[in-house]
Amino acid sequence: MSFRRWRASQRNRLVSAPRRDYIMSMSNLRRPADLAQRMAKGLAARERRSNAFRRETFSLPREAARAKAREFFDRFPKAAYMTEIESWRELPGDCIEFTVRRLPTAD
């Protein structure tokens, strides 16, 4: 059998017997916006389940930021609430923006 005949026979076989799962998925096609929305919902649900931490972000002058951080660690001790400064940065005007992460309850 020549290559042309073999290729034609393979093409006919594939066209005449499509896969069932491909046909099933074709009937469920939606707009890209629907897919994006469904994926965003799934991601948000997964984040809610896996991430039990509470975060609060503050933007204060340097001394007030230090006092606020001390207050947080006094109110929510690191040993019980796993409290930590997750991120911080300096802003113009000697201000500090920081995010504090902690567990909602102590075990």
PDB file of N, CA and C in Angstrom:
ATOM      1  N   MET A   1       0.859  -1.179   0.000  1.00  0.00           N
ATOM      2  CA  MET A   1       0.000   0.000   0.000  1.00  0.00           C
ATOM      3  C   MET A   1       0.900   1.234   0.000  1.00  0.00           C
ATOM      4  N   SER A   2       0.601   2.128  -0.850  1.00  0.00           N
ATOM      5  CA  SER A   2       1.399   3.344  -0.935  1.00  0.00           C
ATOM      6  C   SER A   2       1.066   4.277   0.231  1.00  0.00           C
ATOM      7  N   PHE A   3       1.955   5.229   0.446  1.00  0.00           N
ATOM      8  CA  PHE A   3       1.755   6.172   1.538  1.00  0.00           C
ATOM      9  C   PHE A   3       0.480   6.987   1.350  1.00  0.00           C
ATOM     10  N   ARG A   4       0.213   7.365   0.107  1.00  0.00           N
ATOM     11  CA  ARG A   4      -1.010   8.146  -0.142  1.00  0.00           C
ATOM     12  C   ARG A   4      -2.249   7.360   0.205  1.00  0.00           C
ATOM     13  N   ARG A   5      -2.297   6.116  -0.212  1.00  0.00           N
ATOM     14  CA  ARG A   5      -3.477   5.291   0.113  1.00  0.00           C
ATOM     15  C   ARG A   5      -3.592   5.078   1.620  1.00  0.00           C
ATOM     16  N   TRP A   6      -2.443   4.819   2.264  1.00  0.00           N
ATOM     17  CA  TRP A   6      -2.485   4.596   3.705  1.00  0.00           C
ATOM     18  C   TRP A   6      -2.973   5.853   4.429  1.00  0.00           C
ATOM     19  N   ARG A   7      -2.465   7.001   4.022  1.00  0.00           N
ATOM     20  CA  ARG A   7      -2.876   8.261   4.639  1.00  0.00           C
ATOM     21  C   ARG A   7      -4.366   8.516   4.420  1.00  0.00           C
ATOM     22  N   ALA A   8      -4.865   8.268   3.219  1.00  0.00           N
ATOM     23  CA  ALA A   8      -6.289   8.450   2.931  1.00  0.00           C
ATOM     24  C   ALA A   8      -7.127   7.490   3.753  1.00  0.00           C
ATOM     25  N   SER A   9      -6.676   6.281   3.896  1.00  0.00           N
ATOM     26  CA  SER A   9      -7.465   5.318   4.682  1.00  0.00           C
ATOM     27  C   SER A   9      -7.491   5.715   6.153  1.00  0.00           C
ATOM     28  N   GLN A  10      -6.367   6.220   6.659  1.00  0.00           N
ATOM     29  CA  GLN A  10      -6.332   6.676   8.050  1.00  0.00           C
ATOM     30  C   GLN A  10      -7.245   7.878   8.254  1.00  0.00           C
ATOM     31  N   ARG A  11      -7.221   8.805   7.320  1.00  0.00           N
ATOM     32  CA  ARG A  11      -8.077   9.987   7.410  1.00  0.00           C
ATOM     33  C   ARG A  11      -9.541   9.577   7.399  1.00  0.00           C
ATOM     34  N   ASN A  12      -9.916   8.675   6.541  1.00  0.00           N
ATOM     35  CA  ASN A  12     -11.304   8.227   6.474  1.00  0.00           C
ATOM     36  C   ASN A  12     -11.711   7.522   7.759  1.00  0.00           C
ATOM     37  N   ARG A  13     -10.802   6.744   8.307  1.00  0.00           N
ATOM     38  CA  ARG A  13     -11.132   6.028   9.528  1.00  0.00           C
ATOM     39  C   ARG A  13     -11.356   7.014  10.683  1.00  0.00           C
ATOM     40  N   LEU A  14     -10.516   8.033  10.762  1.00  0.00           N
ATOM     41  CA  LEU A  14     -10.672   9.009  11.832  1.00  0.00           C
ATOM     42  C   LEU A  14     -11.934   9.842  11.657  1.00  0.00           C
ATOM     43  N   VAL A  15     -12.255  10.204  10.455  1.00  0.00           N
ATOM     44  CA  VAL A  15     -13.441  11.013  10.215  1.00  0.00           C
ATOM     45  C   VAL A  15     -14.701  10.190  10.419  1.00  0.00           C
ATOM     46  N   SER A  16     -14.658   8.907  10.042  1.00  0.00           N
ATOM     47  CA  SER A  16     -15.866   8.091  10.142  1.00  0.00           C
ATOM     48  C   SER A  16     -16.142   7.630  11.559  1.00  0.00           C
ATOM     49  N   ALA A  17     -15.125   7.621  12.427  1.00  0.00           N
ATOM     50  CA  ALA A  17     -15.333   7.149  13.793  1.00  0.00           C
ATOM     51  C   ALA A  17     -14.774   8.161  14.785  1.00  0.00           C
ATOM     52  N   PRO A  18     -15.445   9.291  14.986  1.00  0.00           N
ATOM     53  CA  PRO A  18     -14.934  10.292  15.930  1.00  0.00           C
ATOM     54  C   PRO A  18     -15.038   9.790  17.364  1.00  0.00           C
ATOM     55  N   ARG A  19     -14.187  10.340  18.193  1.00  0.00           N
ATOM     56  CA  ARG A  19     -14.205   9.924  19.598  1.00  0.00           C
ATOM     57  C   ARG A  19     -15.431  10.487  20.294  1.00  0.00           C
ATOM     58  N   ARG A  20     -16.013   9.679  21.136  1.00  0.00           N
ATOM     59  CA  ARG A  20     -17.237  10.066  21.837  1.00  0.00           C
ATOM     60  C   ARG A  20     -16.998  11.232  22.801  1.00  0.00           C
ATOM     61  N   ASP A  21     -15.875  11.228  23.521  1.00  0.00           N
ATOM     62  CA  ASP A  21     -15.626  12.309  24.478  1.00  0.00           C
ATOM     63  C   ASP A  21     -15.434  13.650  23.782  1.00  0.00           C
ATOM     64  N   TYR A  22     -14.895  13.640  22.589  1.00  0.00           N
ATOM     65  CA  TYR A  22     -14.750  14.882  21.833  1.00  0.00           C
ATOM     66  C   TYR A  22     -16.123  15.438  21.461  1.00  0.00           C
ATOM     67  N   ILE A  23     -17.036  14.572  21.057  1.00  0.00           N
ATOM     68  CA  ILE A  23     -18.390  15.007  20.705  1.00  0.00           C
ATOM     69  C   ILE A  23     -19.106  15.549  21.939  1.00  0.00           C
ATOM     70  N   MET A  24     -18.920  14.883  23.066  1.00  0.00           N
ATOM     71  CA  MET A  24     -19.565  15.335  24.298  1.00  0.00           C
ATOM     72  C   MET A  24     -19.050  16.719  24.690  1.00  0.00           C
ATOM     73  N   SER A  25     -17.744  16.957  24.547  1.00  0.00           N
ATOM     74  CA  SER A  25     -17.215  18.253  24.945  1.00  0.00           C
ATOM     75  C   SER A  25     -17.645  19.354  23.982  1.00  0.00           C
ATOM     76  N   MET A  26     -17.864  19.022  22.734  1.00  0.00           N
ATOM     77  CA  MET A  26     -18.297  20.023  21.756  1.00  0.00           C
ATOM     78  C   MET A  26     -19.667  20.587  22.124  1.00  0.00           C
ATOM     79  N   SER A  27     -20.526  19.749  22.707  1.00  0.00           N
ATOM     80  CA  SER A  27     -21.858  20.228  23.063  1.00  0.00           C
ATOM     81  C   SER A  27     -21.829  21.140  24.291  1.00  0.00           C
ATOM     82  N   ASN A  28     -20.734  21.090  25.057  1.00  0.00           N
ATOM     83  CA  ASN A  28     -20.625  21.895  26.280  1.00  0.00           C
ATOM     84  C   ASN A  28     -19.799  23.162  26.076  1.00  0.00           C
ATOM     85  N   LEU A  29     -19.471  23.507  24.845  1.00  0.00           N
ATOM     86  CA  LEU A  29     -18.670  24.703  24.603  1.00  0.00           C
ATOM     87  C   LEU A  29     -19.450  25.958  24.972  1.00  0.00           C
ATOM     88  N   ARG A  30     -18.719  26.892  25.585  1.00  0.00           N
ATOM     89  CA  ARG A  30     -19.313  28.168  25.959  1.00  0.00           C
ATOM     90  C   ARG A  30     -18.365  29.276  25.556  1.00  0.00           C
ATOM     91  N   ARG A  31     -18.758  30.489  25.855  1.00  0.00           N
ATOM     92  CA  ARG A  31     -17.905  31.639  25.547  1.00  0.00           C
ATOM     93  C   ARG A  31     -16.666  31.641  26.440  1.00  0.00           C
ATOM     94  N   PRO A  32     -15.584  32.247  25.993  1.00  0.00           N
ATOM     95  CA  PRO A  32     -14.393  32.344  26.840  1.00  0.00           C
ATOM     96  C   PRO A  32     -14.663  33.076  28.158  1.00  0.00           C
ATOM     97  N   ALA A  33     -15.574  34.012  28.135  1.00  0.00           N
ATOM     98  CA  ALA A  33     -15.898  34.734  29.374  1.00  0.00           C
ATOM     99  C   ALA A  33     -16.518  33.793  30.406  1.00  0.00           C
ATOM    100  N   ASP A  34     -17.315  32.822  29.945  1.00  0.00           N
ATOM    101  CA  ASP A  34     -17.907  31.858  30.866  1.00  0.00           C
ATOM    102  C   ASP A  34     -16.825  30.991  31.504  1.00  0.00           C
ATOM    103  N   LEU A  35     -15.878  30.574  30.706  1.00  0.00           N
ATOM    104  CA  LEU A  35     -14.776  29.762  31.222  1.00  0.00           C
ATOM    105  C   LEU A  35     -13.959  30.558  32.235  1.00  0.00           C
ATOM    106  N   ALA A  36     -13.663  31.806  31.918  1.00  0.00           N
ATOM    107  CA  ALA A  36     -12.884  32.643  32.834  1.00  0.00           C
ATOM    108  C   ALA A  36     -13.618  32.853  34.150  1.00  0.00           C
ATOM    109  N   GLN A  37     -14.904  33.064  34.079  1.00  0.00           N
ATOM    110  CA  GLN A  37     -15.695  33.268  35.297  1.00  0.00           C
ATOM    111  C   GLN A  37     -15.717  32.004  36.141  1.00  0.00           C
ATOM    112  N   ARG A  38     -15.876  30.843  35.507  1.00  0.00           N
ATOM    113  CA  ARG A  38     -15.917  29.582  36.234  1.00  0.00           C
ATOM    114  C   ARG A  38     -14.567  29.303  36.894  1.00  0.00           C
ATOM    115  N   MET A  39     -13.490  29.614  36.187  1.00  0.00           N
ATOM    116  CA  MET A  39     -12.164  29.404  36.763  1.00  0.00           C
ATOM    117  C   MET A  39     -11.894  30.356  37.916  1.00  0.00           C
ATOM    118  N   ALA A  40     -12.342  31.593  37.818  1.00  0.00           N
ATOM    119  CA  ALA A  40     -12.148  32.566  38.900  1.00  0.00           C
ATOM    120  C   ALA A  40     -12.908  32.146  40.151  1.00  0.00           C
ATOM    121  N   LYS A  41     -14.116  31.634  39.972  1.00  0.00           N
ATOM    122  CA  LYS A  41     -14.884  31.155  41.127  1.00  0.00           C
ATOM    123  C   LYS A  41     -14.176  29.997  41.814  1.00  0.00           C
ATOM    124  N   GLY A  42     -13.648  29.076  41.031  1.00  0.00           N
ATOM    125  CA  GLY A  42     -12.933  27.942  41.599  1.00  0.00           C
ATOM    126  C   GLY A  42     -11.688  28.363  42.341  1.00  0.00           C
ATOM    127  N   LEU A  43     -10.958  29.317  41.790  1.00  0.00           N
ATOM    128  CA  LEU A  43      -9.754  29.811  42.441  1.00  0.00           C
ATOM    129  C   LEU A  43     -10.086  30.503  43.754  1.00  0.00           C
ATOM    130  N   ALA A  44     -11.127  31.308  43.760  1.00  0.00           N
ATOM    131  CA  ALA A  44     -11.531  32.007  44.991  1.00  0.00           C
ATOM    132  C   ALA A  44     -11.963  31.018  46.062  1.00  0.00           C
ATOM    133  N   ALA A  45     -12.696  29.992  45.669  1.00  0.00           N
ATOM    134  CA  ALA A  45     -13.146  28.984  46.635  1.00  0.00           C
ATOM    135  C   ALA A  45     -11.957  28.219  47.211  1.00  0.00           C
ATOM    136  N   ARG A  46     -10.986  27.908  46.368  1.00  0.00           N
ATOM    137  CA  ARG A  46      -9.808  27.187  46.823  1.00  0.00           C
ATOM    138  C   ARG A  46      -8.994  28.034  47.785  1.00  0.00           C
ATOM    139  N   GLU A  47      -8.877  29.328  47.504  1.00  0.00           N
ATOM    140  CA  GLU A  47      -8.135  30.216  48.397  1.00  0.00           C
ATOM    141  C   GLU A  47      -8.824  30.341  49.749  1.00  0.00           C
ATOM    142  N   ARG A  48     -10.146  30.405  49.743  1.00  0.00           N
ATOM    143  CA  ARG A  48     -10.868  30.498  51.012  1.00  0.00           C
ATOM    144  C   ARG A  48     -10.660  29.243  51.857  1.00  0.00           C
ATOM    145  N   ARG A  49     -10.638  28.091  51.219  1.00  0.00           N
ATOM    146  CA  ARG A  49     -10.459  26.843  51.969  1.00  0.00           C
ATOM    147  C   ARG A  49      -9.046  26.699  52.494  1.00  0.00           C
ATOM    148  N   SER A  50      -8.058  27.028  51.671  1.00  0.00           N
ATOM    149  CA  SER A  50      -6.678  26.739  52.034  1.00  0.00           C
ATOM    150  C   SER A  50      -6.010  27.849  52.837  1.00  0.00           C
ATOM    151  N   ASN A  51      -6.529  29.043  52.829  1.00  0.00           N
ATOM    152  CA  ASN A  51      -5.862  30.153  53.462  1.00  0.00           C
ATOM    153  C   ASN A  51      -6.709  30.687  54.614  1.00  0.00           C
ATOM    154  N   ALA A  52      -6.377  30.248  55.816  1.00  0.00           N
ATOM    155  CA  ALA A  52      -7.159  30.640  56.983  1.00  0.00           C
ATOM    156  C   ALA A  52      -6.635  31.916  57.633  1.00  0.00           C
ATOM    157  N   PHE A  53      -5.590  32.504  57.092  1.00  0.00           N
ATOM    158  CA  PHE A  53      -4.996  33.687  57.709  1.00  0.00           C
ATOM    159  C   PHE A  53      -5.833  34.928  57.455  1.00  0.00           C
ATOM    160  N   ARG A  54      -5.795  35.822  58.447  1.00  0.00           N
ATOM    161  CA  ARG A  54      -6.407  37.146  58.291  1.00  0.00           C
ATOM    162  C   ARG A  54      -5.286  38.141  58.067  1.00  0.00           C
ATOM    163  N   ARG A  55      -5.521  39.049  57.159  1.00  0.00           N
ATOM    164  CA  ARG A  55      -4.505  40.048  56.834  1.00  0.00           C
ATOM    165  C   ARG A  55      -5.083  41.445  56.997  1.00  0.00           C
ATOM    166  N   GLU A  56      -4.267  42.331  57.531  1.00  0.00           N
ATOM    167  CA  GLU A  56      -4.654  43.735  57.635  1.00  0.00           C
ATOM    168  C   GLU A  56      -3.463  44.575  57.161  1.00  0.00           C
ATOM    169  N   THR A  57      -3.759  45.561  56.356  1.00  0.00           N
ATOM    170  CA  THR A  57      -2.717  46.422  55.814  1.00  0.00           C
ATOM    171  C   THR A  57      -2.871  47.826  56.377  1.00  0.00           C
ATOM    172  N   PHE A  58      -1.753  48.412  56.797  1.00  0.00           N
ATOM    173  CA  PHE A  58      -1.740  49.745  57.382  1.00  0.00           C
ATOM    174  C   PHE A  58      -0.728  50.597  56.646  1.00  0.00           C
ATOM    175  N   SER A  59      -1.010  51.880  56.583  1.00  0.00           N
ATOM    176  CA  SER A  59      -0.076  52.854  56.028  1.00  0.00           C
ATOM    177  C   SER A  59      -0.009  54.008  57.028  1.00  0.00           C
ATOM    178  N   LEU A  60       1.085  54.050  57.779  1.00  0.00           N
ATOM    179  CA  LEU A  60       1.213  55.004  58.886  1.00  0.00           C
ATOM    180  C   LEU A  60       2.602  55.635  58.885  1.00  0.00           C
ATOM    181  N   PRO A  61       2.736  56.773  59.587  1.00  0.00           N
ATOM    182  CA  PRO A  61       4.077  57.323  59.795  1.00  0.00           C
ATOM    183  C   PRO A  61       4.938  56.315  60.563  1.00  0.00           C
ATOM    184  N   ARG A  62       6.244  56.439  60.441  1.00  0.00           N
ATOM    185  CA  ARG A  62       7.166  55.424  60.962  1.00  0.00           C
ATOM    186  C   ARG A  62       6.916  55.075  62.435  1.00  0.00           C
ATOM    187  N   GLU A  63       6.843  56.048  63.297  1.00  0.00           N
ATOM    188  CA  GLU A  63       6.666  55.768  64.741  1.00  0.00           C
ATOM    189  C   GLU A  63       5.294  55.156  65.027  1.00  0.00           C
ATOM    190  N   ALA A  64       4.262  55.664  64.354  1.00  0.00           N
ATOM    191  CA  ALA A  64       2.919  55.095  64.544  1.00  0.00           C
ATOM    192  C   ALA A  64       2.861  53.655  64.019  1.00  0.00           C
ATOM    193  N   ALA A  65       3.597  53.359  62.966  1.00  0.00           N
ATOM    194  CA  ALA A  65       3.641  51.995  62.429  1.00  0.00           C
ATOM    195  C   ALA A  65       4.307  51.053  63.419  1.00  0.00           C
ATOM    196  N   ARG A  66       5.381  51.511  64.054  1.00  0.00           N
ATOM    197  CA  ARG A  66       6.038  50.684  65.078  1.00  0.00           C
ATOM    198  C   ARG A  66       5.090  50.399  66.239  1.00  0.00           C
ATOM    199  N   ALA A  67       4.389  51.442  66.675  1.00  0.00           N
ATOM    200  CA  ALA A  67       3.455  51.267  67.793  1.00  0.00           C
ATOM    201  C   ALA A  67       2.320  50.301  67.411  1.00  0.00           C
ATOM    202  N   LYS A  68       1.818  50.413  66.192  1.00  0.00           N
ATOM    203  CA  LYS A  68       0.737  49.545  65.738  1.00  0.00           C
ATOM    204  C   LYS A  68       1.203  48.087  65.658  1.00  0.00           C
ATOM    205  N   ALA A  69       2.429  47.886  65.177  1.00  0.00           N
ATOM    206  CA  ALA A  69       2.969  46.529  65.100  1.00  0.00           C
ATOM    207  C   ALA A  69       3.146  45.940  66.499  1.00  0.00           C
ATOM    208  N   ARG A  70       3.664  46.739  67.426  1.00  0.00           N
ATOM    209  CA  ARG A  70       3.798  46.254  68.814  1.00  0.00           C
ATOM    210  C   ARG A  70       2.441  45.909  69.408  1.00  0.00           C
ATOM    211  N   GLU A  71       1.455  46.767  69.155  1.00  0.00           N
ATOM    212  CA  GLU A  71       0.097  46.518  69.643  1.00  0.00           C
ATOM    213  C   GLU A  71      -0.453  45.190  69.093  1.00  0.00           C
ATOM    214  N   PHE A  72      -0.209  44.947  67.823  1.00  0.00           N
ATOM    215  CA  PHE A  72      -0.685  43.702  67.210  1.00  0.00           C
ATOM    216  C   PHE A  72      -0.044  42.489  67.855  1.00  0.00           C
ATOM    217  N   PHE A  73       1.277  42.546  68.070  1.00  0.00           N
ATOM    218  CA  PHE A  73       1.963  41.407  68.671  1.00  0.00           C
ATOM    219  C   PHE A  73       1.590  41.226  70.137  1.00  0.00           C
ATOM    220  N   ASP A  74       1.245  42.302  70.828  1.00  0.00           N
ATOM    221  CA  ASP A  74       0.769  42.162  72.209  1.00  0.00           C
ATOM    222  C   ASP A  74      -0.629  41.549  72.238  1.00  0.00           C
ATOM    223  N   ARG A  75      -1.481  41.987  71.334  1.00  0.00           N
ATOM    224  CA  ARG A  75      -2.872  41.514  71.302  1.00  0.00           C
ATOM    225  C   ARG A  75      -2.991  40.095  70.753  1.00  0.00           C
ATOM    226  N   PHE A  76      -2.180  39.782  69.743  1.00  0.00           N
ATOM    227  CA  PHE A  76      -2.206  38.459  69.106  1.00  0.00           C
ATOM    228  C   PHE A  76      -0.791  37.887  69.140  1.00  0.00           C
ATOM    229  N   PRO A  77      -0.407  37.203  70.224  1.00  0.00           N
ATOM    230  CA  PRO A  77       0.967  36.699  70.350  1.00  0.00           C
ATOM    231  C   PRO A  77       1.334  35.737  69.216  1.00  0.00           C
ATOM    232  N   LYS A  78       2.587  35.803  68.832  1.00  0.00           N
ATOM    233  CA  LYS A  78       3.057  34.988  67.716  1.00  0.00           C
ATOM    234  C   LYS A  78       2.901  33.493  67.999  1.00  0.00           C
ATOM    235  N   ALA A  79       3.135  33.065  69.219  1.00  0.00           N
ATOM    236  CA  ALA A  79       3.058  31.648  69.551  1.00  0.00           C
ATOM    237  C   ALA A  79       1.645  31.087  69.382  1.00  0.00           C
ATOM    238  N   ALA A  80       0.633  31.890  69.663  1.00  0.00           N
ATOM    239  CA  ALA A  80      -0.743  31.395  69.592  1.00  0.00           C
ATOM    240  C   ALA A  80      -1.399  31.669  68.244  1.00  0.00           C
ATOM    241  N   TYR A  81      -1.137  32.824  67.653  1.00  0.00           N
ATOM    242  CA  TYR A  81      -1.836  33.240  66.434  1.00  0.00           C
ATOM    243  C   TYR A  81      -0.952  33.209  65.179  1.00  0.00           C
ATOM    244  N   MET A  82       0.316  32.823  65.335  1.00  0.00           N
ATOM    245  CA  MET A  82       1.270  32.825  64.216  1.00  0.00           C
ATOM    246  C   MET A  82       1.327  34.197  63.547  1.00  0.00           C
ATOM    247  N   THR A  83       1.290  35.234  64.344  1.00  0.00           N
ATOM    248  CA  THR A  83       1.303  36.606  63.847  1.00  0.00           C
ATOM    249  C   THR A  83       2.662  36.935  63.250  1.00  0.00           C
ATOM    250  N   GLU A  84       2.659  37.616  62.116  1.00  0.00           N
ATOM    251  CA  GLU A  84       3.910  38.084  61.526  1.00  0.00           C
ATOM    252  C   GLU A  84       3.650  39.254  60.590  1.00  0.00           C
ATOM    253  N   ILE A  85       4.667  40.054  60.400  1.00  0.00           N
ATOM    254  CA  ILE A  85       4.617  41.117  59.400  1.00  0.00           C
ATOM    255  C   ILE A  85       4.908  40.439  58.068  1.00  0.00           C
ATOM    256  N   GLU A  86       3.896  40.364  57.226  1.00  0.00           N
ATOM    257  CA  GLU A  86       4.040  39.630  55.970  1.00  0.00           C
ATOM    258  C   GLU A  86       4.853  40.420  54.948  1.00  0.00           C
ATOM    259  N   SER A  87       4.599  41.708  54.843  1.00  0.00           N
ATOM    260  CA  SER A  87       5.361  42.541  53.921  1.00  0.00           C
ATOM    261  C   SER A  87       5.331  43.982  54.412  1.00  0.00           C
ATOM    262  N   TRP A  88       6.327  44.744  53.992  1.00  0.00           N
ATOM    263  CA  TRP A  88       6.349  46.156  54.341  1.00  0.00           C
ATOM    264  C   TRP A  88       7.152  46.896  53.290  1.00  0.00           C
ATOM    265  N   ARG A  89       6.907  48.209  53.205  1.00  0.00           N
ATOM    266  CA  ARG A  89       7.653  49.064  52.284  1.00  0.00           C
ATOM    267  C   ARG A  89       7.612  50.496  52.785  1.00  0.00           C
ATOM    268  N   GLU A  90       8.619  51.242  52.382  1.00  0.00           N
ATOM    269  CA  GLU A  90       8.684  52.662  52.730  1.00  0.00           C
ATOM    270  C   GLU A  90       7.978  53.469  51.662  1.00  0.00           C
ATOM    271  N   LEU A  91       7.161  54.408  52.106  1.00  0.00           N
ATOM    272  CA  LEU A  91       6.468  55.315  51.200  1.00  0.00           C
ATOM    273  C   LEU A  91       7.081  56.706  51.333  1.00  0.00           C
ATOM    274  N   PRO A  92       6.845  57.584  50.390  1.00  0.00           N
ATOM    275  CA  PRO A  92       7.352  58.959  50.515  1.00  0.00           C
ATOM    276  C   PRO A  92       6.786  59.636  51.775  1.00  0.00           C
ATOM    277  N   GLY A  93       7.548  60.502  52.340  1.00  0.00           N
ATOM    278  CA  GLY A  93       7.095  61.228  53.523  1.00  0.00           C
ATOM    279  C   GLY A  93       7.307  60.452  54.799  1.00  0.00           C
ATOM    280  N   ASP A  94       8.270  59.524  54.809  1.00  0.00           N
ATOM    281  CA  ASP A  94       8.597  58.730  56.003  1.00  0.00           C
ATOM    282  C   ASP A  94       7.404  57.935  56.522  1.00  0.00           C
ATOM    283  N   CYS A  95       6.611  57.408  55.619  1.00  0.00           N
ATOM    284  CA  CYS A  95       5.495  56.528  55.978  1.00  0.00           C
ATOM    285  C   CYS A  95       5.876  55.088  55.666  1.00  0.00           C
ATOM    286  N   ILE A  96       5.296  54.175  56.415  1.00  0.00           N
ATOM    287  CA  ILE A  96       5.528  52.745  56.231  1.00  0.00           C
ATOM    288  C   ILE A  96       4.186  52.082  55.953  1.00  0.00           C
ATOM    289  N   GLU A  97       4.158  51.279  54.905  1.00  0.00           N
ATOM    290  CA  GLU A  97       2.970  50.470  54.621  1.00  0.00           C
ATOM    291  C   GLU A  97       3.347  49.027  54.944  1.00  0.00           C
ATOM    292  N   PHE A  98       2.540  48.372  55.781  1.00  0.00           N
ATOM    293  CA  PHE A  98       2.843  46.998  56.149  1.00  0.00           C
ATOM    294  C   PHE A  98       1.565  46.176  56.258  1.00  0.00           C
ATOM    295  N   THR A  99       1.737  44.871  56.057  1.00  0.00           N
ATOM    296  CA  THR A  99       0.628  43.927  56.145  1.00  0.00           C
ATOM    297  C   THR A  99       0.939  42.940  57.259  1.00  0.00           C
ATOM    298  N   VAL A 100      -0.009  42.799  58.181  1.00  0.00           N
ATOM    299  CA  VAL A 100       0.127  41.869  59.296  1.00  0.00           C
ATOM    300  C   VAL A 100      -0.758  40.668  59.009  1.00  0.00           C
ATOM    301  N   ARG A 101      -0.176  39.482  59.179  1.00  0.00           N
ATOM    302  CA  ARG A 101      -0.910  38.239  58.956  1.00  0.00           C
ATOM    303  C   ARG A 101      -1.017  37.489  60.280  1.00  0.00           C
ATOM    304  N   ARG A 102      -2.225  36.941  60.551  1.00  0.00           N
ATOM    305  CA  ARG A 102      -2.431  36.164  61.781  1.00  0.00           C
ATOM    306  C   ARG A 102      -3.544  35.164  61.571  1.00  0.00           C
ATOM    307  N   LEU A 103      -3.615  34.173  62.431  1.00  0.00           N
ATOM    308  CA  LEU A 103      -4.722  33.226  62.419  1.00  0.00           C
ATOM    309  C   LEU A 103      -5.913  33.873  63.119  1.00  0.00           C
ATOM    310  N   PRO A 104      -7.149  33.525  62.738  1.00  0.00           N
ATOM    311  CA  PRO A 104      -8.304  34.172  63.347  1.00  0.00           C
ATOM    312  C   PRO A 104      -8.505  33.782  64.821  1.00  0.00           C
ATOM    313  N   THR A 105      -8.119  32.571  65.194  1.00  0.00           N
ATOM    314  CA  THR A 105      -8.287  32.133  66.575  1.00  0.00           C
ATOM    315  C   THR A 105      -7.051  31.365  67.018  1.00  0.00           C
ATOM    316  N   ALA A 106      -6.834  31.314  68.310  1.00  0.00           N
ATOM    317  CA  ALA A 106      -5.735  30.540  68.883  1.00  0.00           C
ATOM    318  C   ALA A 106      -6.250  29.137  69.225  1.00  0.00           C
ATOM    319  N   ASP A 107      -5.406  28.160  68.961  1.00  0.00           N
ATOM    320  CA  ASP A 107      -5.814  26.770  69.290  1.00  0.00           C
ATOM    321  C   ASP A 107      -5.474  26.412  70.694  1.00  0.00           C
TER     322      ASP A 107
END
